[in-house]
């Protein structure tokens, strides 16, 4: 006889309670105090436009952090991605899909032509930021990377409570 044989005697078998709502007839639904539609969602998908409720929501500049430090960090990361020193997926959260696809393609090309050995770190020398509209920032950065001076132009938009790079030009 095993040690658990006596413990099985203490189990009680009970019926599982019914959790489904009771079926309401059409008379009860429409002649009652409130109209009731069974298996219907309480959301009005036809009254609102899809992009208003379910798309990206613009965010005002006052609700977002100062963009200058972010532009400096993004510029540093972008130059490192383009030179093959950093993986492109690190910026996927901060870039629009079109910008990310360009960065990922440039990183792939840079990874093929990268020479072995150590390379000097890119340094962001200057960042300029202007705000042409509420929730929109246009910025430029001067970066010294691998003996070259490069310029970056970025457009950041406040979407879903964060800054997102929607346009990028690397000179």
N, C-alpha and C. Protein backbone atom coordinates (compact mmCIF):
# COMPACT_ATOMS: atom_id res chain seq x y z
N UNK A 1 0.84 -1.17 0.00
CA UNK A 1 0.00 0.00 0.00
C UNK A 1 0.89 1.24 0.00
N UNK A 2 0.56 2.22 -0.86
CA UNK A 2 1.40 3.41 -0.96
C UNK A 2 0.95 4.45 0.05
N UNK A 3 1.78 5.49 0.21
CA UNK A 3 1.50 6.54 1.19
C UNK A 3 0.36 7.45 0.72
N UNK A 4 0.09 7.52 -0.56
CA UNK A 4 -0.95 8.42 -1.07
C UNK A 4 -2.30 7.74 -1.21
N UNK A 5 -2.40 6.47 -0.92
CA UNK A 5 -3.66 5.75 -1.10
C UNK A 5 -4.73 6.27 -0.15
N UNK A 6 -4.39 6.61 1.08
CA UNK A 6 -5.36 7.11 2.03
C UNK A 6 -5.81 8.52 1.72
N UNK A 7 -5.00 9.31 1.04
CA UNK A 7 -5.33 10.70 0.73
C UNK A 7 -6.41 10.79 -0.34
N UNK A 8 -6.56 9.79 -1.18
CA UNK A 8 -7.57 9.82 -2.24
C UNK A 8 -8.99 9.73 -1.70
N UNK A 9 -9.13 9.23 -0.50
CA UNK A 9 -10.46 9.10 0.08
C UNK A 9 -11.06 10.44 0.47
N UNK A 10 -10.27 11.48 0.59
CA UNK A 10 -10.78 12.77 1.07
C UNK A 10 -11.26 13.67 -0.07
N UNK A 11 -11.18 13.27 -1.31
CA UNK A 11 -11.64 14.10 -2.42
C UNK A 11 -13.16 14.07 -2.52
N UNK A 12 -13.74 15.23 -2.86
CA UNK A 12 -15.18 15.32 -3.07
C UNK A 12 -15.39 15.74 -4.52
N UNK A 13 -16.20 15.03 -5.22
CA UNK A 13 -16.50 15.34 -6.61
C UNK A 13 -17.69 16.29 -6.63
N UNK A 14 -17.49 17.46 -7.27
CA UNK A 14 -18.57 18.45 -7.37
C UNK A 14 -18.79 18.80 -8.83
N UNK A 15 -19.99 19.22 -9.12
CA UNK A 15 -20.35 19.62 -10.46
C UNK A 15 -19.77 21.00 -10.77
N UNK A 16 -19.33 21.21 -11.99
CA UNK A 16 -18.80 22.51 -12.42
C UNK A 16 -19.98 23.45 -12.62
N UNK A 17 -19.93 24.65 -12.03
CA UNK A 17 -21.07 25.57 -12.19
C UNK A 17 -21.17 26.08 -13.63
N UNK A 18 -22.36 26.40 -14.03
CA UNK A 18 -22.63 26.91 -15.37
C UNK A 18 -22.18 28.37 -15.43
N UNK A 19 -21.30 28.73 -16.36
CA UNK A 19 -20.78 30.09 -16.45
C UNK A 19 -21.34 30.86 -17.63
N UNK A 20 -21.97 30.18 -18.56
CA UNK A 20 -22.52 30.87 -19.73
C UNK A 20 -23.76 31.65 -19.32
N UNK A 21 -24.00 32.82 -19.94
CA UNK A 21 -25.20 33.57 -19.60
C UNK A 21 -26.45 32.83 -20.09
N UNK A 22 -27.55 33.08 -19.39
CA UNK A 22 -28.78 32.40 -19.78
C UNK A 22 -29.26 32.95 -21.12
N UNK A 23 -29.94 32.14 -21.88
CA UNK A 23 -30.47 32.53 -23.18
C UNK A 23 -31.70 33.41 -22.95
N UNK A 24 -31.72 34.55 -23.60
CA UNK A 24 -32.83 35.48 -23.47
C UNK A 24 -33.62 35.44 -24.77
N UNK A 25 -34.91 35.30 -24.65
CA UNK A 25 -35.74 35.26 -25.84
C UNK A 25 -35.87 36.66 -26.43
N UNK A 26 -36.33 36.75 -27.67
CA UNK A 26 -36.46 38.04 -28.34
C UNK A 26 -37.48 38.92 -27.63
N UNK A 27 -38.52 38.32 -27.08
CA UNK A 27 -39.53 39.11 -26.36
C UNK A 27 -38.93 39.75 -25.11
N UNK A 28 -38.15 38.97 -24.37
CA UNK A 28 -37.53 39.51 -23.17
C UNK A 28 -36.53 40.61 -23.51
N UNK A 29 -35.79 40.44 -24.62
CA UNK A 29 -34.75 41.39 -24.98
C UNK A 29 -35.33 42.73 -25.40
N UNK A 30 -36.38 42.74 -26.20
CA UNK A 30 -36.88 44.00 -26.75
C UNK A 30 -38.03 44.60 -25.96
N UNK A 31 -38.68 43.83 -25.09
CA UNK A 31 -39.78 44.38 -24.31
C UNK A 31 -39.36 44.65 -22.87
N UNK A 32 -38.13 44.41 -22.57
CA UNK A 32 -37.64 44.67 -21.22
C UNK A 32 -37.31 46.15 -21.05
N UNK A 33 -36.65 46.46 -19.95
CA UNK A 33 -36.32 47.86 -19.66
C UNK A 33 -35.18 48.36 -20.54
N UNK A 34 -34.25 47.48 -20.91
CA UNK A 34 -33.13 47.87 -21.75
C UNK A 34 -33.05 46.94 -22.95
N UNK A 35 -32.69 47.48 -24.10
CA UNK A 35 -32.46 46.56 -25.23
C UNK A 35 -31.20 45.74 -24.96
N UNK A 36 -31.21 44.51 -25.33
CA UNK A 36 -30.11 43.60 -25.08
C UNK A 36 -29.85 42.80 -26.35
N UNK A 37 -28.63 42.80 -26.79
CA UNK A 37 -28.25 42.00 -27.94
C UNK A 37 -27.23 40.98 -27.47
N UNK A 38 -27.57 39.74 -27.56
CA UNK A 38 -26.69 38.69 -27.07
C UNK A 38 -25.49 38.54 -28.00
N UNK A 39 -24.33 38.30 -27.41
CA UNK A 39 -23.06 38.11 -28.12
C UNK A 39 -22.66 39.33 -28.94
N UNK A 40 -23.01 40.51 -28.51
CA UNK A 40 -22.63 41.73 -29.21
C UNK A 40 -21.64 42.52 -28.36
N UNK A 41 -20.72 43.17 -29.02
CA UNK A 41 -19.77 44.03 -28.32
C UNK A 41 -20.40 45.37 -28.01
N UNK A 42 -19.95 46.00 -26.96
CA UNK A 42 -20.50 47.29 -26.57
C UNK A 42 -19.69 48.43 -27.17
N UNK A 43 -19.08 48.22 -28.32
CA UNK A 43 -18.30 49.25 -29.00
C UNK A 43 -18.96 49.61 -30.31
N UNK A 44 -18.93 50.87 -30.64
CA UNK A 44 -19.49 51.33 -31.91
C UNK A 44 -18.36 51.47 -32.91
N UNK A 45 -18.15 50.46 -33.76
CA UNK A 45 -17.09 50.51 -34.75
C UNK A 45 -17.49 51.28 -35.99
N UNK A 46 -18.75 51.56 -36.16
CA UNK A 46 -19.22 52.21 -37.37
C UNK A 46 -19.30 53.72 -37.23
N UNK A 47 -19.38 54.24 -36.00
CA UNK A 47 -19.52 55.67 -35.81
C UNK A 47 -18.21 56.42 -35.85
N UNK A 48 -17.08 55.78 -35.60
CA UNK A 48 -15.78 56.45 -35.55
C UNK A 48 -14.91 55.98 -36.71
N UNK A 49 -14.03 56.87 -37.14
CA UNK A 49 -13.07 56.48 -38.17
C UNK A 49 -12.01 55.60 -37.55
N UNK A 50 -11.47 54.69 -38.34
CA UNK A 50 -10.48 53.76 -37.83
C UNK A 50 -9.22 54.47 -37.35
N UNK A 51 -8.76 55.47 -38.08
CA UNK A 51 -7.51 56.12 -37.70
C UNK A 51 -7.65 56.99 -36.47
N UNK A 52 -8.85 57.38 -36.09
CA UNK A 52 -9.03 58.18 -34.89
C UNK A 52 -8.86 57.35 -33.62
N UNK A 53 -9.39 56.15 -33.62
CA UNK A 53 -9.39 55.35 -32.41
C UNK A 53 -8.29 54.29 -32.36
N UNK A 54 -7.92 53.75 -33.50
CA UNK A 54 -7.04 52.60 -33.49
C UNK A 54 -5.69 52.86 -34.14
N UNK A 55 -5.48 53.98 -34.76
CA UNK A 55 -4.21 54.29 -35.39
C UNK A 55 -3.27 54.96 -34.40
N UNK A 56 -2.17 55.44 -34.91
CA UNK A 56 -1.22 56.15 -34.08
C UNK A 56 -1.82 57.47 -33.63
N UNK A 57 -1.66 57.80 -32.38
CA UNK A 57 -2.22 59.01 -31.82
C UNK A 57 -1.12 60.07 -31.69
N UNK A 58 -1.31 61.25 -32.29
CA UNK A 58 -0.31 62.31 -32.14
C UNK A 58 -0.22 62.78 -30.69
N UNK A 59 0.99 63.16 -30.29
CA UNK A 59 1.24 63.62 -28.94
C UNK A 59 1.81 65.03 -29.00
N UNK A 60 1.33 65.89 -28.13
CA UNK A 60 1.80 67.27 -28.08
C UNK A 60 3.21 67.33 -27.51
N UNK A 61 3.96 68.36 -27.89
CA UNK A 61 5.35 68.50 -27.45
C UNK A 61 5.48 68.62 -25.95
N UNK A 62 4.50 69.24 -25.32
CA UNK A 62 4.58 69.44 -23.87
C UNK A 62 4.52 68.12 -23.10
N UNK A 63 3.94 67.11 -23.70
CA UNK A 63 3.82 65.79 -23.05
C UNK A 63 5.02 64.89 -23.35
N UNK A 64 5.99 65.39 -24.10
CA UNK A 64 7.15 64.58 -24.50
C UNK A 64 8.43 65.15 -23.87
N UNK A 65 9.45 64.33 -23.73
CA UNK A 65 10.72 64.82 -23.17
C UNK A 65 11.44 65.73 -24.16
N UNK A 66 12.45 66.43 -23.66
CA UNK A 66 13.27 67.31 -24.48
C UNK A 66 13.91 66.50 -25.60
N UNK A 67 13.74 66.92 -26.87
CA UNK A 67 14.24 66.09 -27.97
C UNK A 67 15.75 66.21 -28.23
N UNK A 68 16.42 67.25 -27.74
CA UNK A 68 17.85 67.44 -28.05
C UNK A 68 18.72 66.28 -27.59
N UNK A 69 18.62 65.79 -26.34
CA UNK A 69 19.44 64.64 -25.96
C UNK A 69 19.10 63.38 -26.76
N UNK A 70 17.83 63.21 -27.08
CA UNK A 70 17.43 62.06 -27.88
C UNK A 70 18.02 62.13 -29.28
N UNK A 71 18.02 63.32 -29.88
CA UNK A 71 18.61 63.49 -31.22
C UNK A 71 20.09 63.16 -31.19
N UNK A 72 20.79 63.58 -30.14
CA UNK A 72 22.23 63.28 -30.03
C UNK A 72 22.46 61.77 -29.93
N UNK A 73 21.68 61.10 -29.10
CA UNK A 73 21.84 59.64 -28.96
C UNK A 73 21.45 58.90 -30.23
N UNK A 74 20.36 59.34 -30.87
CA UNK A 74 19.94 58.70 -32.12
C UNK A 74 20.97 58.91 -33.22
N UNK A 75 21.54 60.11 -33.30
CA UNK A 75 22.56 60.38 -34.32
C UNK A 75 23.76 59.48 -34.14
N UNK A 76 24.20 59.33 -32.89
CA UNK A 76 25.32 58.43 -32.58
C UNK A 76 24.98 57.00 -33.01
N UNK A 77 23.81 56.55 -32.67
CA UNK A 77 23.41 55.18 -32.99
C UNK A 77 23.26 54.98 -34.50
N UNK A 78 22.70 55.96 -35.18
CA UNK A 78 22.50 55.84 -36.64
C UNK A 78 23.84 55.72 -37.36
N UNK A 79 24.80 56.55 -36.98
CA UNK A 79 26.13 56.48 -37.62
C UNK A 79 26.78 55.13 -37.33
N UNK A 80 26.62 54.62 -36.11
CA UNK A 80 27.19 53.31 -35.79
C UNK A 80 26.50 52.19 -36.57
N UNK A 81 25.21 52.32 -36.81
CA UNK A 81 24.49 51.32 -37.61
C UNK A 81 24.95 51.35 -39.06
N UNK A 82 25.05 52.56 -39.61
CA UNK A 82 25.45 52.71 -41.01
C UNK A 82 26.88 52.22 -41.23
N UNK A 83 27.74 52.35 -40.20
CA UNK A 83 29.12 51.89 -40.34
C UNK A 83 29.29 50.42 -39.97
N UNK A 84 28.22 49.77 -39.52
CA UNK A 84 28.28 48.35 -39.22
C UNK A 84 28.73 48.01 -37.82
N UNK A 85 28.80 48.97 -36.92
CA UNK A 85 29.27 48.71 -35.56
C UNK A 85 28.13 48.37 -34.59
N UNK A 86 26.89 48.60 -34.99
CA UNK A 86 25.75 48.39 -34.11
C UNK A 86 24.65 47.70 -34.91
N UNK A 87 23.91 46.78 -34.31
CA UNK A 87 22.81 46.13 -35.04
C UNK A 87 21.62 47.08 -35.22
N UNK A 88 21.01 47.04 -36.37
CA UNK A 88 19.89 47.92 -36.69
C UNK A 88 18.67 47.72 -35.81
N UNK A 89 18.35 46.51 -35.36
CA UNK A 89 17.13 46.36 -34.54
C UNK A 89 17.13 47.16 -33.24
N UNK A 90 18.27 47.69 -32.82
CA UNK A 90 18.29 48.52 -31.62
C UNK A 90 17.49 49.81 -31.79
N UNK A 91 17.26 50.23 -33.02
CA UNK A 91 16.52 51.47 -33.26
C UNK A 91 15.11 51.24 -33.76
N UNK A 92 14.64 50.03 -33.77
CA UNK A 92 13.32 49.75 -34.34
C UNK A 92 12.21 50.47 -33.57
N UNK A 93 12.38 50.66 -32.28
CA UNK A 93 11.36 51.32 -31.46
C UNK A 93 11.30 52.82 -31.74
N UNK A 94 12.39 53.40 -32.20
CA UNK A 94 12.48 54.85 -32.37
C UNK A 94 12.27 55.31 -33.81
N UNK A 95 12.08 54.39 -34.74
CA UNK A 95 11.98 54.76 -36.15
C UNK A 95 10.68 54.26 -36.77
N UNK A 96 10.22 55.00 -37.76
CA UNK A 96 9.07 54.55 -38.56
C UNK A 96 9.52 53.38 -39.42
N UNK A 97 8.61 52.53 -39.87
CA UNK A 97 9.00 51.36 -40.66
C UNK A 97 9.81 51.69 -41.92
N UNK A 98 9.47 52.78 -42.60
CA UNK A 98 10.22 53.13 -43.82
C UNK A 98 11.66 53.53 -43.48
N UNK A 99 11.85 54.27 -42.41
CA UNK A 99 13.20 54.68 -41.99
C UNK A 99 13.99 53.46 -41.53
N UNK A 100 13.34 52.58 -40.78
CA UNK A 100 14.04 51.40 -40.29
C UNK A 100 14.49 50.50 -41.44
N UNK A 101 13.67 50.35 -42.46
CA UNK A 101 14.06 49.47 -43.57
C UNK A 101 15.30 50.00 -44.28
N UNK A 102 15.39 51.33 -44.42
CA UNK A 102 16.59 51.92 -45.03
C UNK A 102 17.81 51.69 -44.15
N UNK A 103 17.66 51.90 -42.84
CA UNK A 103 18.78 51.68 -41.92
C UNK A 103 19.22 50.22 -41.92
N UNK A 104 18.28 49.31 -41.90
CA UNK A 104 18.62 47.89 -41.88
C UNK A 104 19.36 47.48 -43.15
N UNK A 105 18.93 48.01 -44.29
CA UNK A 105 19.61 47.70 -45.55
C UNK A 105 21.04 48.26 -45.55
N UNK A 106 21.21 49.50 -45.06
CA UNK A 106 22.54 50.09 -45.02
C UNK A 106 23.44 49.33 -44.03
N UNK A 107 22.88 48.85 -42.93
CA UNK A 107 23.66 48.08 -41.97
C UNK A 107 24.12 46.75 -42.57
N UNK A 108 23.24 46.15 -43.37
CA UNK A 108 23.60 44.89 -44.00
C UNK A 108 24.75 45.09 -45.00
N UNK A 109 24.69 46.15 -45.78
CA UNK A 109 25.76 46.46 -46.73
C UNK A 109 27.04 46.79 -46.00
N UNK A 110 26.95 47.56 -44.92
CA UNK A 110 28.14 47.94 -44.15
C UNK A 110 28.77 46.73 -43.49
N UNK A 111 27.96 45.76 -43.08
CA UNK A 111 28.51 44.55 -42.47
C UNK A 111 29.34 43.73 -43.43
N UNK A 112 29.00 43.78 -44.70
CA UNK A 112 29.76 43.04 -45.72
C UNK A 112 31.10 43.69 -46.02
N UNK A 113 31.13 45.03 -46.01
CA UNK A 113 32.36 45.72 -46.41
C UNK A 113 33.24 46.10 -45.22
N UNK A 114 32.82 45.75 -44.01
CA UNK A 114 33.56 46.15 -42.82
C UNK A 114 34.92 45.48 -42.78
N UNK A 115 35.93 46.27 -42.51
CA UNK A 115 37.29 45.77 -42.43
C UNK A 115 37.59 45.32 -41.00
N UNK A 116 38.36 44.25 -40.84
CA UNK A 116 38.70 43.82 -39.48
C UNK A 116 39.61 44.84 -38.81
N UNK A 117 39.58 44.84 -37.51
CA UNK A 117 40.40 45.78 -36.75
C UNK A 117 39.51 46.76 -36.01
N UNK A 118 40.15 47.53 -35.17
CA UNK A 118 39.37 48.48 -34.38
C UNK A 118 39.19 49.77 -35.16
N UNK A 119 38.02 50.36 -35.01
CA UNK A 119 37.73 51.64 -35.63
C UNK A 119 37.37 52.61 -34.52
N UNK A 120 37.65 53.86 -34.78
CA UNK A 120 37.36 54.87 -33.77
C UNK A 120 35.86 55.09 -33.63
N UNK A 121 35.46 55.42 -32.44
CA UNK A 121 34.06 55.67 -32.13
C UNK A 121 33.60 56.97 -32.79
N UNK A 122 32.36 56.97 -33.27
CA UNK A 122 31.77 58.19 -33.83
C UNK A 122 31.47 59.16 -32.68
N UNK A 123 31.63 60.45 -32.96
CA UNK A 123 31.41 61.48 -31.95
C UNK A 123 30.44 62.51 -32.51
N UNK A 124 29.38 62.78 -31.77
CA UNK A 124 28.42 63.81 -32.16
C UNK A 124 28.99 65.15 -31.71
N UNK A 125 29.23 66.04 -32.67
CA UNK A 125 29.83 67.34 -32.36
C UNK A 125 28.79 68.41 -32.04
N UNK A 126 27.71 68.46 -32.80
CA UNK A 126 26.74 69.53 -32.62
C UNK A 126 25.35 69.03 -33.00
N UNK A 127 24.37 69.50 -32.26
CA UNK A 127 22.96 69.16 -32.53
C UNK A 127 22.17 70.45 -32.54
N UNK A 128 21.35 70.61 -33.56
CA UNK A 128 20.44 71.76 -33.65
C UNK A 128 19.02 71.22 -33.78
N UNK A 129 18.09 71.80 -33.02
CA UNK A 129 16.71 71.33 -32.99
C UNK A 129 15.80 72.52 -33.18
N UNK A 130 14.79 72.37 -34.04
CA UNK A 130 13.76 73.39 -34.16
C UNK A 130 12.40 72.69 -34.21
N UNK A 131 11.38 73.43 -33.80
CA UNK A 131 10.04 72.87 -33.73
C UNK A 131 9.11 73.65 -34.65
N UNK A 132 8.90 73.18 -35.88
CA UNK A 132 8.05 73.92 -36.82
C UNK A 132 6.56 73.84 -36.48
N UNK A 133 6.15 72.80 -35.77
CA UNK A 133 4.75 72.64 -35.37
C UNK A 133 4.72 71.88 -34.05
N UNK A 134 3.58 71.95 -33.37
CA UNK A 134 3.45 71.26 -32.11
C UNK A 134 3.50 69.75 -32.34
N UNK A 135 4.41 69.07 -31.64
CA UNK A 135 4.55 67.63 -31.79
C UNK A 135 5.44 67.21 -32.94
N UNK A 136 6.11 68.18 -33.58
CA UNK A 136 7.01 67.88 -34.70
C UNK A 136 8.34 68.59 -34.43
N UNK A 137 9.43 67.85 -34.59
CA UNK A 137 10.77 68.41 -34.39
C UNK A 137 11.60 68.08 -35.61
N UNK A 138 12.29 69.08 -36.13
CA UNK A 138 13.27 68.87 -37.19
C UNK A 138 14.63 69.18 -36.60
N UNK A 139 15.57 68.26 -36.81
CA UNK A 139 16.87 68.39 -36.17
C UNK A 139 17.96 68.03 -37.16
N UNK A 140 19.15 68.57 -36.88
CA UNK A 140 20.33 68.18 -37.65
C UNK A 140 21.46 67.94 -36.66
N UNK A 141 22.37 67.09 -37.05
CA UNK A 141 23.51 66.76 -36.21
C UNK A 141 24.76 66.66 -37.07
N UNK A 142 25.86 67.13 -36.52
CA UNK A 142 27.16 66.99 -37.16
C UNK A 142 27.91 65.91 -36.39
N UNK A 143 28.36 64.89 -37.13
CA UNK A 143 28.99 63.73 -36.51
C UNK A 143 30.33 63.49 -37.18
N UNK A 144 31.36 63.25 -36.37
CA UNK A 144 32.67 62.88 -36.88
C UNK A 144 32.81 61.37 -36.66
N UNK A 145 32.95 60.65 -37.77
CA UNK A 145 33.04 59.20 -37.70
C UNK A 145 34.10 58.70 -38.66
N UNK A 146 35.10 58.00 -38.13
CA UNK A 146 36.13 57.34 -38.94
C UNK A 146 36.86 58.33 -39.85
N UNK A 147 37.17 59.50 -39.33
CA UNK A 147 37.90 60.49 -40.10
C UNK A 147 37.04 61.28 -41.06
N UNK A 148 35.75 61.10 -41.04
CA UNK A 148 34.83 61.83 -41.92
C UNK A 148 33.87 62.65 -41.08
N UNK A 149 33.54 63.82 -41.60
CA UNK A 149 32.51 64.64 -40.97
C UNK A 149 31.23 64.42 -41.75
N UNK A 150 30.19 64.01 -41.05
CA UNK A 150 28.91 63.71 -41.70
C UNK A 150 27.81 64.53 -41.05
N UNK A 151 26.79 64.79 -41.83
CA UNK A 151 25.62 65.51 -41.32
C UNK A 151 24.39 64.62 -41.41
N UNK A 152 23.55 64.72 -40.41
CA UNK A 152 22.30 63.98 -40.38
C UNK A 152 21.16 64.98 -40.23
N UNK A 153 20.10 64.75 -40.96
CA UNK A 153 18.88 65.53 -40.80
C UNK A 153 17.77 64.57 -40.43
N UNK A 154 17.06 64.88 -39.34
CA UNK A 154 16.01 64.00 -38.83
C UNK A 154 14.73 64.78 -38.63
N UNK A 155 13.63 64.11 -38.83
CA UNK A 155 12.32 64.66 -38.48
C UNK A 155 11.70 63.70 -37.48
N UNK A 156 11.40 64.23 -36.31
CA UNK A 156 10.78 63.44 -35.26
C UNK A 156 9.36 63.93 -35.05
N UNK A 157 8.45 62.99 -34.87
CA UNK A 157 7.06 63.33 -34.60
C UNK A 157 6.65 62.66 -33.30
N UNK A 158 5.88 63.38 -32.52
CA UNK A 158 5.36 62.83 -31.29
C UNK A 158 4.16 61.94 -31.58
N UNK A 159 4.34 60.64 -31.45
CA UNK A 159 3.28 59.67 -31.71
C UNK A 159 3.22 58.68 -30.56
N UNK A 160 2.04 58.44 -30.07
CA UNK A 160 1.81 57.46 -29.00
C UNK A 160 2.66 57.72 -27.76
N UNK A 161 2.86 58.98 -27.43
CA UNK A 161 3.58 59.33 -26.21
C UNK A 161 5.08 59.25 -26.29
N UNK A 162 5.65 59.20 -27.49
CA UNK A 162 7.11 59.14 -27.63
C UNK A 162 7.53 59.79 -28.95
N UNK A 163 8.80 60.12 -29.06
CA UNK A 163 9.33 60.67 -30.30
C UNK A 163 9.63 59.53 -31.25
N UNK A 164 9.27 59.72 -32.53
CA UNK A 164 9.49 58.70 -33.55
C UNK A 164 10.14 59.35 -34.75
N UNK A 165 11.25 58.79 -35.25
CA UNK A 165 11.93 59.32 -36.43
C UNK A 165 11.12 58.92 -37.65
N UNK A 166 10.58 59.92 -38.35
CA UNK A 166 9.76 59.63 -39.52
C UNK A 166 10.48 59.95 -40.83
N UNK A 167 11.56 60.72 -40.77
CA UNK A 167 12.35 61.02 -41.97
C UNK A 167 13.81 61.14 -41.55
N UNK A 168 14.70 60.66 -42.41
CA UNK A 168 16.13 60.67 -42.11
C UNK A 168 16.91 60.86 -43.40
N UNK A 169 17.87 61.78 -43.34
CA UNK A 169 18.80 61.97 -44.45
C UNK A 169 20.21 61.98 -43.88
N UNK A 170 21.09 61.17 -44.47
CA UNK A 170 22.47 61.09 -44.02
C UNK A 170 23.35 61.64 -45.13
N UNK A 171 24.16 62.63 -44.79
CA UNK A 171 25.03 63.26 -45.79
C UNK A 171 26.46 62.84 -45.63
